[in-house]
Protein backbone atom coordinates (compact mmCIF):
# COMPACT_ATOMS: atom_id res chain seq x y z
CA MET A 1 0.18 -0.09 -0.04
CA GLN A 2 2.90 2.37 0.73
CA VAL A 3 3.04 2.64 -3.15
CA ILE A 4 -0.12 4.32 -3.82
CA PHE A 5 0.56 7.29 -1.41
CA PRO A 6 2.64 9.21 -3.52
CA LEU A 7 -0.49 9.17 -6.17
CA LEU A 8 -3.18 9.33 -3.85
CA ILE A 9 -2.09 12.17 -1.90
CA PRO A 10 -1.47 14.55 -4.24
CA LEU A 11 -4.37 13.51 -6.46
CA LEU A 12 -6.99 14.20 -3.43
CA THR A 13 -4.99 17.35 -2.43
CA ALA A 14 -5.63 18.76 -5.78
CA ILE A 15 -9.43 17.81 -5.99
CA LEU A 16 -9.95 19.24 -2.37
CA GLY A 17 -7.78 22.23 -3.48
CA LEU A 18 -10.30 22.90 -6.37
CA LEU A 19 -13.39 22.58 -4.36
CA ALA A 20 -12.32 25.62 -1.71
CA ILE A 21 -11.13 27.38 -4.71
CA ARG A 22 -10.75 30.94 -2.73
CA SER A 23 -7.34 31.81 -1.54
CA SER A 24 -7.08 31.86 2.14
CA ALA A 25 -4.32 31.20 4.65
CA GLY A 26 -6.04 28.38 5.64
CA ARG A 27 -6.21 26.90 2.37
CA ARG A 28 -2.41 27.66 2.35
CA LEU A 29 -2.00 25.70 5.28
CA PHE A 30 -3.72 22.86 3.95
CA PHE A 31 -1.49 22.61 1.12
CA ALA A 32 1.60 23.17 2.91
CA ALA A 33 0.66 20.34 5.56
CA SER A 34 0.04 18.11 2.30
CA ALA A 35 3.27 18.83 0.84
CA GLY A 36 5.24 18.04 4.26
CA GLY A 37 2.87 15.08 4.50
CA GLN A 38 3.87 14.15 1.32
CA LEU A 39 7.77 14.11 1.88
CA LEU A 40 7.49 12.38 5.12
CA PHE A 41 5.03 9.47 3.12
CA SER A 42 8.32 9.56 0.65
CA LEU A 43 10.72 9.05 3.19
CA TRP A 44 9.01 6.16 4.47
CA LEU A 45 8.65 4.68 1.05
CA LEU A 46 12.52 5.09 0.49
CA ALA A 47 13.38 3.57 4.21
CA SER A 48 11.02 0.74 3.44
CA VAL A 49 12.81 -0.03 -0.14
CA PHE A 50 16.11 0.04 1.23
CA SER A 51 15.69 -1.99 4.03
CA SER A 52 13.04 -4.60 2.98
CA GLY A 53 13.42 -4.67 -0.70
CA SER A 54 11.15 -3.39 -3.60
CA GLN A 55 8.00 -3.15 -3.75
CA VAL A 56 4.91 -4.03 -6.30
CA MET A 57 1.30 -3.16 -6.34
CA TYR A 58 -1.02 -4.52 -8.74
CA LEU A 59 -3.76 -2.01 -9.28
CA GLY A 60 -7.45 -3.74 -9.45
CA GLY A 61 -6.04 -7.23 -8.84
CA TRP A 62 -5.08 -7.87 -11.99
CA SER A 63 -1.45 -9.33 -12.33
CA ALA A 64 1.55 -7.80 -14.28
CA PRO A 65 1.81 -7.87 -17.40
CA TYR A 66 -2.17 -7.81 -17.87
CA GLY A 67 -2.86 -5.16 -15.75
CA ILE A 68 -1.39 -1.50 -14.27
CA VAL A 69 1.61 -2.03 -12.19
CA LEU A 70 3.34 0.39 -9.79
CA VAL A 71 7.10 -0.51 -8.89
CA ALA A 72 8.95 1.25 -6.14
CA ASP A 73 12.46 0.34 -6.56
CA PRO A 74 15.44 2.29 -4.93
CA ILE A 75 15.98 4.20 -8.15
CA ALA A 76 11.77 5.31 -8.02
CA ALA A 77 12.06 5.80 -4.36
CA ILE A 78 14.56 8.26 -4.42
CA MET A 79 12.87 10.01 -7.41
CA VAL A 80 9.94 10.43 -5.36
CA VAL A 81 11.67 11.86 -2.32
CA LEU A 82 13.13 14.37 -4.75
CA VAL A 83 9.98 15.68 -5.86
CA CYS A 84 8.41 15.75 -2.64
CA LEU A 85 11.40 17.55 -1.06
CA THR A 86 11.47 20.16 -4.13
CA ALA A 87 7.69 20.71 -4.39
CA PHE A 88 7.66 21.26 -0.63
CA SER A 89 10.54 23.99 -0.51
CA CYS A 90 8.68 25.79 -3.82
CA ILE A 91 5.40 25.69 -2.08
CA LEU A 92 6.83 27.37 0.87
CA TYR A 93 8.49 29.91 -0.88
CA GLY A 94 5.65 30.67 -3.25
CA PHE A 95 3.91 31.65 0.06
CA GLN A 96 6.92 34.37 0.29
CA GLU A 97 6.85 35.64 -3.57
CA THR A 98 3.40 35.76 -3.86
CA SER A 99 0.87 37.70 -1.25
CA ILE A 100 -2.97 35.62 -0.54
CA ARG A 101 -4.92 38.31 -2.84
CA ASN A 102 -2.25 38.19 -5.54
CA GLU A 103 -1.76 34.27 -5.32
CA HIS A 104 -3.80 32.46 -8.78
CA PRO A 105 -6.17 30.54 -6.93
CA LEU A 106 -5.16 27.39 -9.40
CA ARG A 107 -1.45 27.28 -8.55
CA LEU A 108 -1.54 24.98 -5.67
CA PRO A 109 -3.84 22.27 -7.02
CA LEU A 110 -1.83 22.52 -10.40
CA ILE A 111 1.28 22.04 -8.62
CA GLN A 112 -0.34 18.96 -6.88
CA PHE A 113 -1.66 17.69 -10.20
CA LEU A 114 2.13 17.92 -11.67
CA VAL A 115 3.78 16.11 -8.81
CA LEU A 116 1.09 13.44 -9.38
CA GLY A 117 2.69 13.29 -12.86
CA LEU A 118 6.05 13.69 -11.70
CA ASN A 119 5.74 10.58 -9.04
CA LEU A 120 3.63 8.04 -11.35
CA SER A 121 6.38 8.56 -14.05
CA PHE A 122 8.70 7.44 -11.70
CA LEU A 123 6.65 4.63 -10.04
CA THR A 124 4.79 3.18 -12.94
CA GLY A 125 5.64 -0.05 -14.38
CA ASP A 126 4.57 -0.02 -18.13
CA LEU A 127 5.22 2.10 -21.05
CA PHE A 128 1.40 3.24 -21.54
CA ASN A 129 1.02 4.82 -18.21
CA LEU A 130 4.45 6.45 -18.44
CA PHE A 131 2.55 7.88 -21.39
CA VAL A 132 -0.29 8.96 -19.15
CA ALA A 133 2.06 10.21 -16.18
CA PHE A 134 3.84 12.22 -18.75
CA GLU A 135 0.41 13.92 -20.18
CA VAL A 136 -0.69 14.67 -16.25
CA MET A 137 2.59 16.23 -15.74
CA LEU A 138 2.67 18.36 -19.19
CA LEU A 139 -0.77 19.61 -18.89
CA ALA A 140 -0.18 20.92 -15.68
CA SER A 141 2.84 22.54 -16.35
CA TYR A 142 1.19 24.00 -19.93
CA ALA A 143 -1.42 25.78 -17.23
CA LEU A 144 1.76 26.86 -14.76
CA LEU A 145 3.58 28.32 -17.09
CA THR A 146 0.79 30.40 -18.73
CA LEU A 147 -1.22 31.05 -15.60
CA GLU A 148 0.35 34.18 -14.89
CA ALA A 149 1.45 35.22 -17.83
CA ASP A 150 1.14 38.71 -20.05
CA ASP A 151 0.61 38.45 -23.38
CA TRP A 152 4.62 38.70 -23.79
CA ASP A 153 5.10 35.71 -21.94
CA VAL A 154 2.68 33.78 -23.49
CA ARG A 155 4.70 34.27 -26.52
CA GLN A 156 7.61 32.55 -25.34
CA ALA A 157 5.70 29.91 -23.83
CA PHE A 158 5.03 28.91 -27.47
CA PRO A 159 8.03 26.76 -28.03
CA TYR A 160 7.44 24.92 -24.95
CA LEU A 161 4.15 23.78 -26.05
CA ALA A 162 5.05 22.83 -29.27
CA ILE A 163 8.17 20.71 -28.97
CA ASN A 164 6.50 19.21 -25.69
CA LEU A 165 3.16 18.28 -27.75
CA PHE A 166 5.45 17.16 -30.56
CA GLY A 167 7.35 14.83 -28.03
CA SER A 168 3.90 13.79 -26.68
CA ALA A 169 2.76 12.47 -30.28
CA PHE A 170 5.87 10.36 -30.62
CA LEU A 171 5.51 8.83 -27.43
CA ILE A 172 2.15 7.39 -28.09
CA ALA A 173 3.58 6.54 -31.50
CA LEU A 174 6.11 4.85 -29.40
CA CYS A 175 3.68 2.89 -27.22
CA ALA A 176 2.22 1.69 -30.55
CA PHE A 177 5.61 0.49 -32.06
CA ALA A 178 6.52 -1.29 -28.75
CA TYR A 179 2.91 -3.40 -28.89
CA GLY A 180 3.78 -4.44 -32.43
CA LEU A 181 6.97 -4.98 -31.78
CA PHE A 182 7.07 -6.71 -27.95
CA GLY A 183 3.25 -7.56 -27.88
CA THR A 184 3.27 -5.74 -24.38
CA LEU A 185 3.83 -2.62 -22.70
CA ASN A 186 4.79 -3.77 -19.70
CA PHE A 187 8.62 -2.85 -18.80
CA ALA A 188 9.76 -6.31 -17.42
CA HIS A 189 7.55 -8.53 -20.42
CA ILE A 190 9.16 -5.96 -22.62
CA ALA A 191 12.81 -6.86 -20.95
CA VAL A 192 12.21 -10.57 -21.59
CA ARG A 193 10.91 -10.18 -25.13
CA ALA A 194 13.84 -7.73 -26.30
CA GLN A 195 16.26 -9.91 -24.81
CA GLU A 196 15.15 -12.35 -26.88
CA MET A 197 15.00 -9.94 -30.09
CA SER A 198 19.18 -8.91 -29.14
CA GLY A 199 20.29 -7.54 -32.13
CA GLU A 200 17.29 -7.27 -34.34
CA PRO A 201 17.30 -3.76 -36.56
CA LEU A 202 13.80 -3.02 -35.30
CA LEU A 203 15.06 -3.04 -31.45
CA VAL A 204 17.59 -0.39 -32.40
CA ALA A 205 14.94 1.66 -34.30
CA PHE A 206 12.93 1.20 -31.27
CA GLY A 207 15.74 2.31 -29.20
CA MET A 208 16.35 5.50 -31.18
CA LEU A 209 12.74 6.73 -31.42
CA ALA A 210 12.83 5.69 -27.36
CA MET A 211 15.82 8.23 -27.17
CA LEU A 212 14.37 11.18 -29.48
CA VAL A 213 11.01 11.07 -27.21
CA PHE A 214 12.81 11.32 -24.09
CA GLY A 215 15.65 13.18 -25.39
CA ILE A 216 13.12 15.77 -26.04
CA LYS A 217 11.55 15.74 -22.52
CA ALA A 218 15.23 15.84 -20.88
CA GLY A 219 16.57 18.84 -23.32
CA LEU A 220 18.98 17.01 -25.36
CA PHE A 221 21.03 18.68 -27.84
CA PRO A 222 19.60 19.84 -30.65
CA LEU A 223 15.73 19.82 -29.55
CA TYR A 224 16.42 21.77 -26.25
CA TYR A 225 15.58 25.39 -27.50
CA TRP A 226 12.04 25.55 -25.98
CA LEU A 227 13.50 25.67 -22.32
CA PRO A 228 15.83 28.48 -21.65
CA ASN A 229 13.17 31.03 -22.73
CA ALA A 230 10.09 29.34 -20.88
CA TYR A 231 11.71 28.73 -17.51
CA PRO A 232 12.40 32.39 -16.93
CA ILE A 233 9.23 33.94 -17.56
CA MET A 234 7.13 31.88 -14.45
CA PRO A 235 7.40 33.04 -10.93
CA ILE A 236 11.03 31.94 -9.39
CA ALA A 237 9.16 29.36 -7.32
CA LEU A 238 7.36 27.59 -10.04
CA ALA A 239 10.57 28.05 -12.26
CA ALA A 240 12.53 26.54 -9.37
CA LEU A 241 10.24 23.02 -9.24
CA PHE A 242 10.52 23.11 -13.02
CA GLY A 243 14.00 23.36 -13.32
CA GLY A 244 15.06 21.08 -10.87
CA MET A 245 12.60 18.16 -11.61
CA LEU A 246 10.82 18.26 -15.12
CA THR A 247 13.73 17.42 -17.52
CA LYS A 248 14.86 14.68 -15.04
CA VAL A 249 12.15 12.50 -15.86
CA GLY A 250 13.27 12.10 -19.06
CA VAL A 251 17.02 11.42 -17.60
CA TYR A 252 15.26 9.07 -15.28
CA VAL A 253 13.45 6.92 -18.02
CA LEU A 254 16.45 6.60 -20.16
CA LEU A 255 18.42 5.13 -17.29
CA ARG A 256 15.62 2.91 -16.89
CA LEU A 257 15.56 2.11 -20.67
CA PHE A 258 19.06 1.33 -20.91
CA GLY A 259 19.54 -0.34 -17.69
CA THR A 260 16.27 -2.51 -17.17
CA ILE A 261 14.29 -2.77 -20.35
CA LEU A 262 16.80 -3.08 -23.59
CA PRO A 263 19.86 -5.44 -23.79
CA HIS A 264 23.30 -3.93 -23.02
CA ASP A 265 24.85 -4.58 -26.31
CA MET A 266 23.27 -1.51 -28.22
CA ASP A 267 26.64 0.17 -29.06
CA LEU A 268 25.29 2.32 -31.87
CA LEU A 269 22.65 3.68 -28.95
CA TYR A 270 25.41 4.56 -26.74
CA VAL A 271 27.78 6.15 -29.07
CA VAL A 272 25.04 8.68 -30.50
CA LEU A 273 23.71 9.59 -27.17
CA ALA A 274 27.22 10.08 -25.82
CA TRP A 275 27.75 12.96 -28.42
CA LEU A 276 24.53 14.32 -28.11
CA SER A 277 25.39 14.65 -24.27
CA ALA A 278 28.44 16.12 -24.90
CA ALA A 279 27.19 18.94 -27.14
CA THR A 280 24.27 19.49 -24.83
CA MET A 281 26.71 20.19 -22.04
CA PHE A 282 29.08 22.30 -24.14
CA PHE A 283 26.35 24.43 -25.94
CA GLY A 284 24.22 24.52 -22.82
CA VAL A 285 27.37 26.28 -20.71
CA LEU A 286 28.20 28.69 -23.56
CA GLY A 287 24.18 29.74 -23.62
CA ALA A 288 24.78 30.40 -19.86
CA ALA A 289 27.70 32.30 -20.09
CA SER A 290 26.46 34.34 -22.37
CA ARG A 291 23.09 35.44 -20.84
CA PRO A 292 22.96 38.62 -18.89
CA TYR A 293 20.37 37.65 -15.95
CA ILE A 294 20.14 35.12 -13.39
CA ARG A 295 17.28 33.32 -14.57
CA GLY A 296 18.68 32.81 -18.05
CA ILE A 297 22.06 31.82 -16.77
CA LEU A 298 20.22 28.77 -14.69
CA SER A 299 17.88 28.10 -17.20
CA PHE A 300 21.06 27.55 -19.86
CA HIS A 301 22.54 25.45 -17.06
CA ILE A 302 19.61 22.93 -16.85
CA LEU A 303 20.49 21.89 -20.43
CA SER A 304 24.28 21.56 -19.53
CA GLN A 305 23.97 19.55 -16.36
CA VAL A 306 21.62 17.19 -18.34
CA GLY A 307 24.21 16.54 -20.44
CA PHE A 308 26.35 15.19 -17.90
CA MET A 309 23.85 12.76 -16.38
CA MET A 310 23.14 11.82 -19.94
CA LEU A 311 26.79 11.11 -21.05
CA ALA A 312 27.08 8.65 -17.45
CA ILE A 313 24.45 6.40 -18.76
CA THR A 314 26.17 5.80 -21.74
CA PHE A 315 29.39 3.82 -20.09
CA MET A 316 26.74 1.39 -19.13
CA THR A 317 28.21 0.33 -15.65
CA PRO A 318 27.01 0.09 -12.16
CA PHE A 319 29.39 2.81 -11.14
CA ALA A 320 28.53 4.92 -14.17
CA PHE A 321 24.66 4.71 -13.26
CA ALA A 322 25.48 5.18 -9.51
CA ALA A 323 27.29 8.50 -10.96
CA ALA A 324 24.47 9.67 -13.04
CA ILE A 325 21.93 8.84 -10.11
CA LEU A 326 24.15 11.08 -7.61
CA TYR A 327 24.87 13.57 -9.64
CA MET A 328 21.13 13.94 -10.53
CA ALA A 329 19.99 14.12 -6.62
CA HIS A 330 22.51 16.70 -6.40
CA ASN A 331 21.31 18.81 -9.35
CA ILE A 332 17.95 18.69 -8.42
CA ILE A 333 18.69 20.08 -4.86
CA VAL A 334 20.77 22.61 -6.24
CA LYS A 335 18.94 23.82 -9.19
CA SER A 336 15.99 24.28 -7.36
CA GLY A 337 18.21 26.18 -4.33
CA LEU A 338 19.60 28.42 -6.86
CA PHE A 339 16.41 29.32 -8.71
CA LEU A 340 15.08 30.65 -5.26
CA VAL A 341 18.40 32.68 -4.68
CA GLY A 342 17.36 34.43 -7.94
CA GLY A 343 13.75 34.92 -6.50
CA ALA A 344 15.71 36.69 -3.16
CA VAL A 345 17.81 39.00 -5.36
CA MET A 346 14.88 40.37 -7.39
CA VAL A 347 13.32 41.16 -4.17
CA LEU A 348 16.09 42.55 -2.87
CA ASN A 349 17.37 44.24 -6.16
CA ARG A 350 14.05 44.60 -7.61
CA THR A 351 15.41 42.81 -10.99
CA ASP A 352 17.87 39.86 -11.60
CA LYS A 353 19.73 41.33 -14.72
CA LEU A 354 23.21 41.51 -13.88
CA GLU A 355 23.85 45.02 -14.66
CA ASN A 356 21.52 46.46 -12.29
CA THR A 357 22.08 44.24 -9.20
CA GLY A 358 25.09 44.55 -6.91
CA ASN A 359 25.56 45.29 -2.98
CA LEU A 360 24.39 42.09 -1.27
CA TRP A 361 27.26 40.66 0.09
CA VAL A 362 27.46 43.48 2.39
CA ARG A 363 23.03 43.51 3.49
CA THR A 364 22.68 39.76 3.32
CA PRO A 365 25.63 37.76 3.94
CA VAL A 366 23.93 34.94 4.90
CA LEU A 367 22.09 34.84 1.21
CA GLY A 368 25.55 35.15 -0.31
CA VAL A 369 26.97 32.14 1.67
CA GLY A 370 24.02 30.12 0.71
CA PHE A 371 24.30 30.93 -2.72
CA LEU A 372 28.11 30.74 -2.98
CA LEU A 373 28.13 27.15 -1.64
CA LEU A 374 25.42 26.22 -4.11
CA ALA A 375 27.09 27.70 -7.38
CA LEU A 376 30.43 26.18 -6.17
CA SER A 377 28.71 22.90 -5.78
CA LEU A 378 27.03 23.33 -9.58
CA ALA A 379 30.82 23.84 -10.93
CA GLY A 380 31.92 20.73 -9.17
CA ILE A 381 34.33 22.30 -6.70
CA PRO A 382 35.31 19.73 -3.68
CA PRO A 383 33.69 18.87 -1.05
CA LEU A 384 30.88 20.14 -1.94
CA SER A 385 27.74 17.60 -3.10
CA GLY A 386 28.72 18.46 -6.88
CA PHE A 387 32.02 17.04 -6.81
CA TRP A 388 31.30 13.67 -6.34
CA GLY A 389 28.69 12.93 -8.69
CA LYS A 390 30.90 14.57 -11.71
CA TYR A 391 34.46 13.26 -10.36
CA MET A 392 32.60 9.77 -10.75
CA ILE A 393 31.34 10.15 -14.22
CA ILE A 394 35.05 11.19 -14.90
CA VAL A 395 36.30 8.36 -13.82
CA ALA A 396 34.07 6.65 -15.67
CA GLY A 397 34.90 8.00 -19.24
CA PHE A 398 38.15 7.25 -18.38
CA THR A 399 37.80 3.83 -17.66
CA ALA A 400 35.82 3.61 -20.76
CA GLY A 401 38.76 5.38 -22.74
CA GLU A 402 36.46 8.30 -23.79
CA TYR A 403 38.98 10.68 -23.19
CA VAL A 404 37.35 13.47 -25.99
CA LEU A 405 34.31 13.29 -23.87
CA VAL A 406 36.08 13.67 -20.70
CA ALA A 407 37.75 16.56 -21.86
CA ILE A 408 34.60 18.42 -22.91
CA ALA A 409 33.12 17.83 -19.67
CA ILE A 410 36.08 19.25 -17.73
CA VAL A 411 35.69 22.45 -19.91
CA THR A 412 32.29 22.37 -19.07
CA GLY A 413 32.86 22.35 -15.50
CA LEU A 414 35.27 25.19 -15.94
CA LEU A 415 32.63 27.10 -18.26
CA THR A 416 30.04 26.57 -15.39
CA LEU A 417 32.56 27.94 -12.55
CA PHE A 418 32.78 31.14 -14.70
CA SER A 419 29.23 31.72 -14.89
CA MET A 420 28.62 31.32 -11.55
CA LEU A 421 31.11 33.68 -10.75
CA LYS A 422 29.70 36.23 -13.27
CA ILE A 423 26.36 36.13 -10.93
CA TRP A 424 28.34 36.00 -7.71
CA MET A 425 30.20 39.20 -8.73
CA GLY A 426 27.43 41.08 -10.43
CA SER A 427 24.71 40.48 -7.22
CA PHE A 428 26.86 40.00 -4.41
CA TRP A 429 30.23 41.34 -4.58
CA GLN A 430 30.15 44.42 -6.43
CA SER A 431 29.59 47.75 -4.75
CA LYS A 432 27.47 49.70 -7.00
CA GLU A 433 26.07 52.98 -5.69
CA SER A 434 23.33 53.30 -7.97
CA VAL A 435 21.57 49.60 -7.16
CA PRO A 436 19.36 49.89 -4.39
CA VAL A 437 19.04 47.16 -1.81
CA VAL A 438 15.39 47.08 -0.31
CA THR A 439 15.94 45.51 2.76
CA SER A 440 12.64 46.82 4.23
CA ASP A 441 10.88 44.07 1.97
CA ARG A 442 11.23 41.48 4.65
CA ARG A 443 10.07 38.63 2.18
CA TRP A 444 13.92 38.06 1.86
CA ILE A 445 14.50 36.55 5.24
CA PRO A 446 12.04 33.60 5.00
CA MET A 447 12.92 33.10 1.36
CA THR A 448 16.71 32.88 2.82
CA VAL A 449 15.91 30.21 5.31
CA ILE A 450 14.30 28.00 2.93
CA VAL A 451 17.20 28.54 0.42
CA GLY A 452 19.43 27.73 3.73
CA GLY A 453 17.42 24.45 4.01
CA LEU A 454 18.06 23.27 0.67
CA THR A 455 22.12 24.21 0.96
CA VAL A 456 22.32 22.08 4.43
CA ILE A 457 20.99 18.86 2.50
CA SER A 458 23.44 19.79 -0.23
CA LEU A 459 26.14 20.28 2.01
CA ILE A 460 25.09 16.62 4.07
CA ILE A 461 25.66 15.00 0.59
CA GLY A 462 29.05 16.46 -0.15
CA LEU A 463 30.48 15.87 3.73
CA LEU A 464 29.25 12.18 3.77
CA PRO A 465 29.45 11.14 0.38
CA GLU A 466 30.12 7.44 1.57
CA PHE A 467 26.18 7.20 2.40
CA PHE A 468 25.03 8.54 -0.74
CA ILE A 469 27.34 6.88 -2.87
CA GLN A 470 26.07 3.61 -1.76
CA MET A 471 22.66 4.19 -1.87
CA ALA A 472 23.17 5.61 -5.37
CA MET A 473 25.22 2.27 -6.03
CA THR A 474 22.70 0.40 -4.98
CA ALA A 475 19.69 1.85 -7.02
CA ALA A 476 22.51 1.96 -10.50
CA GLU A 477 22.50 -1.85 -9.64
CA GLY A 478 18.84 -2.37 -9.38
CA LEU A 479 18.52 -0.57 -12.83
CA LEU A 480 21.23 -3.26 -14.12
CA ASP A 481 19.88 -6.16 -12.56
CA LYS A 482 17.14 -7.31 -15.38
CA ASP A 483 16.66 -10.71 -14.28
CA ALA A 484 15.84 -9.52 -10.37
CA TYR A 485 13.37 -6.55 -12.02
CA ILE A 486 11.20 -9.40 -14.09
CA ARG A 487 11.05 -12.00 -11.00
CA LEU A 488 9.89 -9.05 -9.06
CA VAL A 489 7.37 -7.78 -11.61
CA LEU A 490 6.36 -11.28 -13.47
CA GLY A 491 7.16 -13.41 -10.93
CA ASP A 492 7.62 -17.35 -12.74
CA LEU A 493 6.59 -15.84 -15.68
CA PRO A 494 8.69 -16.71 -18.72
């Protein structure tokens, strides 16, 4: 029963929120309590999975592969915790960003529908319900993206809607292709059938189409142009939630696809994905270095960091998969925190355009320390959380003999540090007499507290790496153990 809670609670919360549509302090308290409860339930599920083993739930009493199955294995449980942590932080931050009077009554229910889609994406055990999860998530994201936008912002959102609709059409085509090819949509059953078809051209075509579909969702080069212009138009709390979580769903699915579902001898797919990942890293960080405002820099960095995760997948070892998982967990926390810092800067300086920001280190040193720790972690400076995942990816690349790809990753890391220092110098370190600091707007204080919480979590990951690396290794070994996954879901079914 634990597996259903990450779906049931946000669904009921969203419905009740729609019934009580008028914004109020009590309504906010209800949504905050629900988000906090979801985080506690997700931690309970994670502890249960790591202590007692993976859990499977067959909805409606129909056994796999014929019915809907939910699977909570280590990687799924980790991702659900990250969703709930990010959503909880962003909901609390949103209360400071927007007053009760100005809060759109649909924002909080839509966030819960978004969480529902995200959690279902990680827990589902079949391809069609992954499509359903994506549609729930995307419909909520379309609404949130345009809910509080003006006419100019809506125009910036159009590429996001267009490319994701394009991706959804290809995803339903992928489901049809999978059913025609394997006679099933259940992940475990596909894994059985795909192993029997190893080496067939149609299997490679299926892998290529899947890589296109989920590469679009993750923001993989060259189809990432929709992201950097769309995320900055949202309120910061929503941008942090989107930036932290949405692209990671595509990364997770490719981890599941290459690790658990498809045979491990599809070298052509790995080569193509590796070079697309390198291009995503490099062009993403160049875009970040060229942007003159905080939200634009951080939005491009989403793409660059996705490239690191995707690159790790292509090395196809438990160590490399663990590196991708650890780096993804770090990035979700740090990226969300950095967006939230950007929101506090906007409150204090009334803008996040770097030429019009400054003087914050003297006036708000705690916020400055939080930003610096998060920024250095994103750049991979030891011993912060971003260092360990990035170091593991580089080691995996050297072990695989991919020296050119490793060199691109290192250069990308250096450019990441440059762009983070650009924010630090522009907003915190430099003194500019012409730039006001509005400390009388007290919203920046609770905003800083929320940023501080995420910073502390990031620090814990960086300073206690053995524990988290072991968790990532356990999740990676589970992803790559096809037989165990098949037995878990299908039992004795051949």
